Amino acid sequence: MPLLSAFLVGALFAVGLGVSGMTQPTKVIGFLDFFGHWDATLMFVMGGAVVLYFFFFRFARGYAPVLTAYFNLPTQKQIDLRLVIGSGMFGVGWGLAGFCPGPALTSLGHGATKVFVFVASMVAGMYLFKAFDVLLHRYRNASPPLATKKEATQS
């Protein structure tokens, strides 16, 4: 049941992206073009999403989840360098390509080469991040090197 509900919610999200025109990179780039032909459509789509989320999040907090054991909410409250750099990279990629992950996956059905290149780059970036994050975690949590026999006998 959770897989079916995830599929249906994802399909609803994809339809919403398509109906609102957010799968068209020109809409996103037009929104970011403040000094040219500015397109406010994205602002209204995002505003509607924020308003709905605001009310439904507060409503849902009083109830137990239906399709899962618990609500998976973020616990990190601190704005750190990792968040700032990641957000900046996301924004630059979004502005250059005109896609963010959801609309890019939805746009794969169009078959445009640009979309496939974006999604492949996005997936590669996710794997590179994971590999780098694992290495960084190991580096930070590495124990100091063991003392050599000579150092151990001198102490």
N, C-alpha and C. Protein backbone atom coordinates (compact mmCIF):
# COMPACT_ATOMS: atom_id res chain seq x y z
N MET A 1 0.82 -1.22 0.00
CA MET A 1 0.00 0.00 0.00
C MET A 1 0.85 1.27 0.00
N PRO A 2 1.95 1.35 0.80
CA PRO A 2 2.76 2.57 0.76
C PRO A 2 3.34 2.86 -0.63
N LEU A 3 3.74 1.82 -1.37
CA LEU A 3 4.28 2.05 -2.71
C LEU A 3 3.21 2.59 -3.66
N LEU A 4 2.03 2.05 -3.56
CA LEU A 4 0.93 2.52 -4.41
C LEU A 4 0.59 3.97 -4.08
N SER A 5 0.50 4.28 -2.78
CA SER A 5 0.17 5.66 -2.41
C SER A 5 1.30 6.62 -2.83
N ALA A 6 2.56 6.19 -2.70
CA ALA A 6 3.67 7.03 -3.14
C ALA A 6 3.60 7.27 -4.65
N PHE A 7 3.26 6.23 -5.40
CA PHE A 7 3.11 6.37 -6.84
C PHE A 7 1.99 7.34 -7.18
N LEU A 8 0.85 7.21 -6.51
CA LEU A 8 -0.29 8.08 -6.80
C LEU A 8 0.00 9.54 -6.44
N VAL A 9 0.64 9.75 -5.30
CA VAL A 9 1.00 11.13 -4.91
C VAL A 9 2.01 11.70 -5.90
N GLY A 10 2.99 10.88 -6.31
CA GLY A 10 3.97 11.33 -7.31
C GLY A 10 3.31 11.65 -8.64
N ALA A 11 2.35 10.83 -9.04
CA ALA A 11 1.63 11.07 -10.29
C ALA A 11 0.82 12.36 -10.20
N LEU A 12 0.18 12.60 -9.06
CA LEU A 12 -0.57 13.84 -8.85
C LEU A 12 0.37 15.05 -8.92
N PHE A 13 1.54 14.92 -8.30
CA PHE A 13 2.54 15.98 -8.34
C PHE A 13 2.98 16.25 -9.79
N ALA A 14 3.22 15.18 -10.55
CA ALA A 14 3.65 15.33 -11.94
C ALA A 14 2.57 16.01 -12.78
N VAL A 15 1.32 15.64 -12.56
CA VAL A 15 0.23 16.27 -13.29
C VAL A 15 0.15 17.75 -12.92
N GLY A 16 0.30 18.06 -11.63
CA GLY A 16 0.28 19.46 -11.20
C GLY A 16 1.40 20.27 -11.84
N LEU A 17 2.59 19.68 -11.92
CA LEU A 17 3.71 20.36 -12.58
C LEU A 17 3.41 20.61 -14.05
N GLY A 18 2.84 19.60 -14.69
CA GLY A 18 2.52 19.75 -16.12
C GLY A 18 1.44 20.78 -16.37
N VAL A 19 0.37 20.74 -15.57
CA VAL A 19 -0.74 21.68 -15.74
C VAL A 19 -0.28 23.12 -15.48
N SER A 20 0.58 23.30 -14.49
CA SER A 20 1.04 24.65 -14.15
C SER A 20 2.13 25.16 -15.09
N GLY A 21 2.64 24.28 -15.98
CA GLY A 21 3.67 24.70 -16.92
C GLY A 21 5.07 24.67 -16.35
N MET A 22 5.24 24.10 -15.15
CA MET A 22 6.56 24.13 -14.50
C MET A 22 7.54 23.12 -15.10
N THR A 23 7.10 22.31 -16.04
CA THR A 23 8.01 21.40 -16.73
C THR A 23 8.68 22.10 -17.92
N GLN A 24 8.31 23.34 -18.16
CA GLN A 24 8.90 24.11 -19.25
C GLN A 24 10.01 25.00 -18.68
N PRO A 25 11.26 24.74 -19.07
CA PRO A 25 12.36 25.55 -18.54
C PRO A 25 12.20 27.04 -18.82
N THR A 26 11.49 27.39 -19.88
CA THR A 26 11.30 28.81 -20.19
C THR A 26 10.53 29.53 -19.08
N LYS A 27 9.63 28.80 -18.39
CA LYS A 27 8.88 29.41 -17.28
C LYS A 27 9.83 29.75 -16.13
N VAL A 28 10.71 28.83 -15.80
CA VAL A 28 11.65 29.04 -14.70
C VAL A 28 12.63 30.16 -15.05
N ILE A 29 13.20 30.08 -16.23
CA ILE A 29 14.17 31.09 -16.66
C ILE A 29 13.49 32.45 -16.79
N GLY A 30 12.23 32.45 -17.24
CA GLY A 30 11.47 33.70 -17.32
C GLY A 30 11.22 34.30 -15.95
N PHE A 31 11.03 33.47 -14.95
CA PHE A 31 10.84 33.95 -13.59
C PHE A 31 12.12 34.59 -13.06
N LEU A 32 13.26 34.05 -13.45
CA LEU A 32 14.56 34.56 -12.97
C LEU A 32 15.06 35.75 -13.79
N ASP A 33 14.37 36.08 -14.86
CA ASP A 33 14.79 37.19 -15.74
C ASP A 33 14.09 38.48 -15.30
N PHE A 34 14.60 39.09 -14.24
CA PHE A 34 13.96 40.27 -13.67
C PHE A 34 14.00 41.49 -14.59
N PHE A 35 15.01 41.59 -15.41
CA PHE A 35 15.19 42.79 -16.23
C PHE A 35 14.78 42.58 -17.69
N GLY A 36 14.24 41.43 -18.00
CA GLY A 36 13.79 41.13 -19.35
C GLY A 36 12.28 40.93 -19.36
N HIS A 37 11.86 39.78 -19.89
CA HIS A 37 10.44 39.44 -19.94
C HIS A 37 10.10 38.58 -18.74
N TRP A 38 9.92 39.24 -17.58
CA TRP A 38 9.69 38.54 -16.33
C TRP A 38 8.35 37.83 -16.36
N ASP A 39 8.34 36.56 -15.92
CA ASP A 39 7.14 35.73 -15.89
C ASP A 39 6.86 35.35 -14.43
N ALA A 40 5.77 35.84 -13.88
CA ALA A 40 5.45 35.64 -12.46
C ALA A 40 4.73 34.32 -12.18
N THR A 41 4.52 33.49 -13.19
CA THR A 41 3.76 32.26 -13.01
C THR A 41 4.32 31.39 -11.90
N LEU A 42 5.64 31.22 -11.87
CA LEU A 42 6.27 30.37 -10.86
C LEU A 42 6.00 30.89 -9.45
N MET A 43 5.97 32.20 -9.30
CA MET A 43 5.71 32.79 -7.99
C MET A 43 4.32 32.38 -7.49
N PHE A 44 3.33 32.37 -8.38
CA PHE A 44 1.97 32.01 -7.98
C PHE A 44 1.87 30.52 -7.68
N VAL A 45 2.56 29.69 -8.45
CA VAL A 45 2.56 28.24 -8.18
C VAL A 45 3.22 27.97 -6.83
N MET A 46 4.38 28.57 -6.59
CA MET A 46 5.07 28.37 -5.31
C MET A 46 4.27 28.96 -4.15
N GLY A 47 3.67 30.11 -4.36
CA GLY A 47 2.85 30.73 -3.31
C GLY A 47 1.67 29.85 -2.93
N GLY A 48 1.01 29.28 -3.93
CA GLY A 48 -0.10 28.37 -3.66
C GLY A 48 0.36 27.14 -2.90
N ALA A 49 1.52 26.60 -3.26
CA ALA A 49 2.06 25.43 -2.57
C ALA A 49 2.42 25.77 -1.12
N VAL A 50 3.00 26.92 -0.89
CA VAL A 50 3.39 27.32 0.47
C VAL A 50 2.16 27.51 1.35
N VAL A 51 1.13 28.12 0.82
CA VAL A 51 -0.11 28.34 1.60
C VAL A 51 -0.75 27.00 1.95
N LEU A 52 -0.87 26.09 0.98
CA LEU A 52 -1.44 24.77 1.26
C LEU A 52 -0.60 24.01 2.28
N TYR A 53 0.71 24.04 2.10
CA TYR A 53 1.60 23.34 3.03
C TYR A 53 1.45 23.92 4.44
N PHE A 54 1.39 25.22 4.56
CA PHE A 54 1.28 25.87 5.86
C PHE A 54 0.09 25.33 6.64
N PHE A 55 -1.07 25.26 6.00
CA PHE A 55 -2.27 24.83 6.70
C PHE A 55 -2.31 23.32 6.91
N PHE A 56 -1.97 22.55 5.89
CA PHE A 56 -2.04 21.10 6.03
C PHE A 56 -0.98 20.56 6.98
N PHE A 57 0.19 21.19 7.05
CA PHE A 57 1.21 20.75 7.99
C PHE A 57 0.72 20.91 9.41
N ARG A 58 0.12 22.05 9.71
CA ARG A 58 -0.40 22.28 11.06
C ARG A 58 -1.56 21.34 11.38
N PHE A 59 -2.39 21.07 10.41
CA PHE A 59 -3.51 20.15 10.59
C PHE A 59 -3.01 18.73 10.83
N ALA A 60 -2.02 18.29 10.06
CA ALA A 60 -1.53 16.91 10.14
C ALA A 60 -0.75 16.64 11.42
N ARG A 61 -0.20 17.66 12.04
CA ARG A 61 0.59 17.46 13.26
C ARG A 61 -0.22 16.87 14.39
N GLY A 62 -1.52 17.05 14.37
CA GLY A 62 -2.36 16.53 15.43
C GLY A 62 -2.81 15.09 15.22
N TYR A 63 -2.41 14.48 14.11
CA TYR A 63 -2.87 13.13 13.78
C TYR A 63 -1.68 12.20 13.54
N ALA A 64 -1.93 10.92 13.69
CA ALA A 64 -0.90 9.91 13.38
C ALA A 64 -0.89 9.68 11.87
N PRO A 65 0.27 9.35 11.31
CA PRO A 65 0.33 9.06 9.87
C PRO A 65 -0.53 7.85 9.52
N VAL A 66 -1.05 7.85 8.32
CA VAL A 66 -1.92 6.77 7.88
C VAL A 66 -1.14 5.68 7.13
N LEU A 67 -0.22 6.07 6.28
CA LEU A 67 0.46 5.12 5.41
C LEU A 67 1.89 4.79 5.83
N THR A 68 2.33 5.28 6.97
CA THR A 68 3.68 5.02 7.45
C THR A 68 3.67 5.03 8.98
N ALA A 69 4.76 4.61 9.57
CA ALA A 69 4.82 4.53 11.03
C ALA A 69 4.97 5.90 11.70
N TYR A 70 5.66 6.82 11.03
CA TYR A 70 5.89 8.14 11.62
C TYR A 70 6.13 9.17 10.51
N PHE A 71 5.94 10.44 10.86
CA PHE A 71 6.26 11.52 9.94
C PHE A 71 7.78 11.70 9.94
N ASN A 72 8.37 11.75 8.79
CA ASN A 72 9.81 11.93 8.66
C ASN A 72 10.10 13.41 8.47
N LEU A 73 10.28 14.11 9.57
CA LEU A 73 10.49 15.56 9.54
C LEU A 73 11.95 15.89 9.78
N PRO A 74 12.44 16.95 9.17
CA PRO A 74 13.84 17.33 9.40
C PRO A 74 14.08 17.70 10.86
N THR A 75 15.25 17.34 11.35
CA THR A 75 15.61 17.67 12.72
C THR A 75 16.67 18.76 12.78
N GLN A 76 17.39 18.97 11.69
CA GLN A 76 18.46 19.97 11.63
C GLN A 76 17.84 21.37 11.61
N LYS A 77 18.23 22.20 12.55
CA LYS A 77 17.70 23.56 12.61
C LYS A 77 18.78 24.60 12.32
N GLN A 78 20.02 24.16 12.27
CA GLN A 78 21.14 25.07 12.09
C GLN A 78 21.44 25.28 10.60
N ILE A 79 21.70 26.52 10.24
CA ILE A 79 22.14 26.84 8.88
C ILE A 79 23.67 26.77 8.89
N ASP A 80 24.20 25.75 8.21
CA ASP A 80 25.65 25.57 8.19
C ASP A 80 26.19 25.74 6.78
N LEU A 81 27.50 25.65 6.66
CA LEU A 81 28.15 25.84 5.36
C LEU A 81 27.68 24.82 4.34
N ARG A 82 27.47 23.60 4.79
CA ARG A 82 27.00 22.54 3.89
C ARG A 82 25.65 22.90 3.27
N LEU A 83 24.74 23.42 4.07
CA LEU A 83 23.43 23.83 3.58
C LEU A 83 23.55 25.00 2.62
N VAL A 84 24.36 25.98 2.95
CA VAL A 84 24.51 27.17 2.10
C VAL A 84 25.12 26.79 0.75
N ILE A 85 26.17 25.97 0.76
CA ILE A 85 26.81 25.56 -0.49
C ILE A 85 25.85 24.72 -1.33
N GLY A 86 25.17 23.77 -0.70
CA GLY A 86 24.22 22.93 -1.42
C GLY A 86 23.07 23.74 -2.02
N SER A 87 22.56 24.68 -1.26
CA SER A 87 21.48 25.54 -1.77
C SER A 87 21.96 26.40 -2.93
N GLY A 88 23.17 26.92 -2.80
CA GLY A 88 23.73 27.72 -3.89
C GLY A 88 23.91 26.91 -5.15
N MET A 89 24.42 25.68 -5.02
CA MET A 89 24.61 24.82 -6.19
C MET A 89 23.27 24.48 -6.82
N PHE A 90 22.28 24.20 -5.98
CA PHE A 90 20.94 23.91 -6.49
C PHE A 90 20.40 25.10 -7.28
N GLY A 91 20.53 26.29 -6.70
CA GLY A 91 20.02 27.49 -7.35
C GLY A 91 20.71 27.79 -8.67
N VAL A 92 22.01 27.63 -8.71
CA VAL A 92 22.76 27.88 -9.95
C VAL A 92 22.33 26.88 -11.02
N GLY A 93 22.25 25.60 -10.65
CA GLY A 93 21.82 24.59 -11.61
C GLY A 93 20.40 24.82 -12.09
N TRP A 94 19.55 25.23 -11.18
CA TRP A 94 18.15 25.51 -11.51
C TRP A 94 18.07 26.68 -12.48
N GLY A 95 18.83 27.72 -12.21
CA GLY A 95 18.80 28.90 -13.08
C GLY A 95 19.41 28.65 -14.44
N LEU A 96 20.48 27.85 -14.49
CA LEU A 96 21.13 27.58 -15.78
C LEU A 96 20.30 26.64 -16.66
N ALA A 97 19.75 25.59 -16.06
CA ALA A 97 19.04 24.59 -16.84
C ALA A 97 17.54 24.86 -16.94
N GLY A 98 16.98 25.55 -15.94
CA GLY A 98 15.54 25.78 -15.94
C GLY A 98 14.76 24.61 -15.37
N PHE A 99 15.47 23.66 -14.78
CA PHE A 99 14.82 22.49 -14.18
C PHE A 99 15.21 22.36 -12.73
N CYS A 100 14.30 21.87 -11.92
CA CYS A 100 14.66 21.34 -10.62
C CYS A 100 14.27 19.86 -10.68
N PRO A 101 14.63 19.06 -9.71
CA PRO A 101 14.48 17.60 -9.85
C PRO A 101 13.08 17.10 -10.22
N GLY A 102 12.05 17.56 -9.55
CA GLY A 102 10.70 17.08 -9.86
C GLY A 102 10.28 17.32 -11.29
N PRO A 103 10.31 18.57 -11.75
CA PRO A 103 9.94 18.82 -13.13
C PRO A 103 10.86 18.14 -14.14
N ALA A 104 12.13 17.96 -13.80
CA ALA A 104 13.05 17.28 -14.72
C ALA A 104 12.62 15.83 -14.92
N LEU A 105 12.30 15.15 -13.81
CA LEU A 105 11.85 13.75 -13.94
C LEU A 105 10.53 13.67 -14.70
N THR A 106 9.65 14.62 -14.44
CA THR A 106 8.38 14.66 -15.16
C THR A 106 8.59 14.90 -16.64
N SER A 107 9.59 15.72 -16.98
CA SER A 107 9.86 16.08 -18.37
C SER A 107 10.58 14.99 -19.15
N LEU A 108 11.04 13.94 -18.49
CA LEU A 108 11.69 12.85 -19.22
C LEU A 108 10.77 12.27 -20.29
N GLY A 109 9.48 12.32 -20.04
CA GLY A 109 8.51 11.82 -21.01
C GLY A 109 8.52 12.57 -22.33
N HIS A 110 9.03 13.79 -22.33
CA HIS A 110 9.09 14.58 -23.56
C HIS A 110 10.18 14.05 -24.49
N GLY A 111 11.19 13.41 -23.90
CA GLY A 111 12.26 12.83 -24.71
C GLY A 111 13.32 13.80 -25.18
N ALA A 112 13.33 15.02 -24.65
CA ALA A 112 14.32 16.01 -25.08
C ALA A 112 15.69 15.66 -24.52
N THR A 113 16.71 15.81 -25.35
CA THR A 113 18.09 15.49 -24.96
C THR A 113 18.51 16.31 -23.75
N LYS A 114 18.13 17.58 -23.71
CA LYS A 114 18.51 18.46 -22.60
C LYS A 114 18.04 17.90 -21.26
N VAL A 115 16.85 17.32 -21.24
CA VAL A 115 16.31 16.77 -20.00
C VAL A 115 17.11 15.55 -19.56
N PHE A 116 17.43 14.67 -20.52
CA PHE A 116 18.21 13.48 -20.19
C PHE A 116 19.60 13.85 -19.68
N VAL A 117 20.22 14.86 -20.28
CA VAL A 117 21.53 15.32 -19.82
C VAL A 117 21.41 15.88 -18.40
N PHE A 118 20.38 16.66 -18.15
CA PHE A 118 20.18 17.23 -16.81
C PHE A 118 19.98 16.13 -15.78
N VAL A 119 19.10 15.18 -16.06
CA VAL A 119 18.81 14.12 -15.09
C VAL A 119 20.04 13.25 -14.85
N ALA A 120 20.78 12.93 -15.92
CA ALA A 120 22.01 12.15 -15.75
C ALA A 120 23.02 12.91 -14.89
N SER A 121 23.15 14.21 -15.13
CA SER A 121 24.06 15.03 -14.33
C SER A 121 23.60 15.11 -12.88
N MET A 122 22.30 15.21 -12.68
CA MET A 122 21.74 15.27 -11.34
C MET A 122 22.03 13.97 -10.57
N VAL A 123 21.81 12.84 -11.22
CA VAL A 123 22.06 11.55 -10.58
C VAL A 123 23.56 11.39 -10.29
N ALA A 124 24.40 11.77 -11.24
CA ALA A 124 25.85 11.70 -11.01
C ALA A 124 26.25 12.59 -9.84
N GLY A 125 25.67 13.77 -9.76
CA GLY A 125 25.95 14.67 -8.64
C GLY A 125 25.53 14.09 -7.31
N MET A 126 24.40 13.39 -7.29
CA MET A 126 23.94 12.75 -6.05
C MET A 126 24.93 11.67 -5.60
N TYR A 127 25.40 10.86 -6.54
CA TYR A 127 26.36 9.81 -6.20
C TYR A 127 27.70 10.41 -5.78
N LEU A 128 28.14 11.46 -6.46
CA LEU A 128 29.39 12.11 -6.07
C LEU A 128 29.28 12.71 -4.67
N PHE A 129 28.15 13.34 -4.38
CA PHE A 129 27.94 13.90 -3.05
C PHE A 129 28.00 12.80 -1.99
N LYS A 130 27.31 11.70 -2.24
CA LYS A 130 27.29 10.61 -1.27
C LYS A 130 28.69 10.08 -1.02
N ALA A 131 29.46 9.87 -2.10
CA ALA A 131 30.82 9.36 -1.97
C ALA A 131 31.69 10.36 -1.19
N PHE A 132 31.58 11.63 -1.53
CA PHE A 132 32.36 12.67 -0.85
C PHE A 132 31.95 12.77 0.62
N ASP A 133 30.65 12.67 0.88
CA ASP A 133 30.15 12.76 2.25
C ASP A 133 30.66 11.60 3.10
N VAL A 134 30.68 10.39 2.54
CA VAL A 134 31.20 9.23 3.27
C VAL A 134 32.68 9.42 3.58
N LEU A 135 33.44 9.88 2.58
CA LEU A 135 34.88 10.12 2.80
C LEU A 135 35.11 11.20 3.86
N LEU A 136 34.34 12.27 3.78
CA LEU A 136 34.47 13.35 4.76
C LEU A 136 34.12 12.87 6.16
N HIS A 137 33.08 12.07 6.27
CA HIS A 137 32.67 11.52 7.57
C HIS A 137 33.76 10.62 8.14
N ARG A 138 34.35 9.78 7.28
CA ARG A 138 35.44 8.91 7.74
C ARG A 138 36.64 9.74 8.18
N TYR A 139 36.95 10.79 7.44
CA TYR A 139 38.10 11.64 7.77
C TYR A 139 37.88 12.32 9.12
N ARG A 140 36.68 12.85 9.32
CA ARG A 140 36.39 13.57 10.57
C ARG A 140 36.37 12.64 11.78
N ASN A 141 35.90 11.42 11.59
CA ASN A 141 35.76 10.49 12.70
C ASN A 141 36.90 9.49 12.82
N ALA A 142 37.96 9.70 12.04
CA ALA A 142 39.09 8.77 12.10
C ALA A 142 39.79 8.90 13.44
N SER A 143 40.17 7.75 13.99
CA SER A 143 40.91 7.79 15.25
C SER A 143 42.36 8.14 14.94
N PRO A 144 43.07 8.66 15.91
CA PRO A 144 44.47 8.99 15.65
C PRO A 144 45.24 7.72 15.32
N PRO A 145 46.28 7.84 14.52
CA PRO A 145 47.02 6.63 14.13
C PRO A 145 47.61 5.94 15.36
N LEU A 146 47.66 4.64 15.28
CA LEU A 146 48.23 3.86 16.38
C LEU A 146 49.71 4.16 16.52
N ALA A 147 50.19 4.13 17.74
CA ALA A 147 51.61 4.39 17.98
C ALA A 147 52.45 3.25 17.43
N THR A 148 53.60 3.59 16.90
CA THR A 148 54.50 2.56 16.42
C THR A 148 55.12 1.85 17.60
N LYS A 149 55.73 0.67 17.37
CA LYS A 149 56.35 -0.08 18.47
C LYS A 149 57.40 0.75 19.18
N LYS A 150 58.18 1.53 18.43
CA LYS A 150 59.23 2.35 19.03
C LYS A 150 58.64 3.40 19.96
N GLU A 151 57.54 4.08 19.51
CA GLU A 151 56.90 5.10 20.34
C GLU A 151 56.27 4.47 21.58
N ALA A 152 55.69 3.27 21.41
CA ALA A 152 55.02 2.60 22.53
C ALA A 152 56.02 2.18 23.61
N THR A 153 57.21 1.77 23.21
CA THR A 153 58.21 1.34 24.20
C THR A 153 58.84 2.53 24.91
N GLN A 154 58.81 3.71 24.28
CA GLN A 154 59.40 4.88 24.88
C GLN A 154 58.49 5.48 25.95
N SER A 155 57.23 5.18 25.93
CA SER A 155 56.32 5.77 26.90
C SER A 155 56.23 5.04 28.19
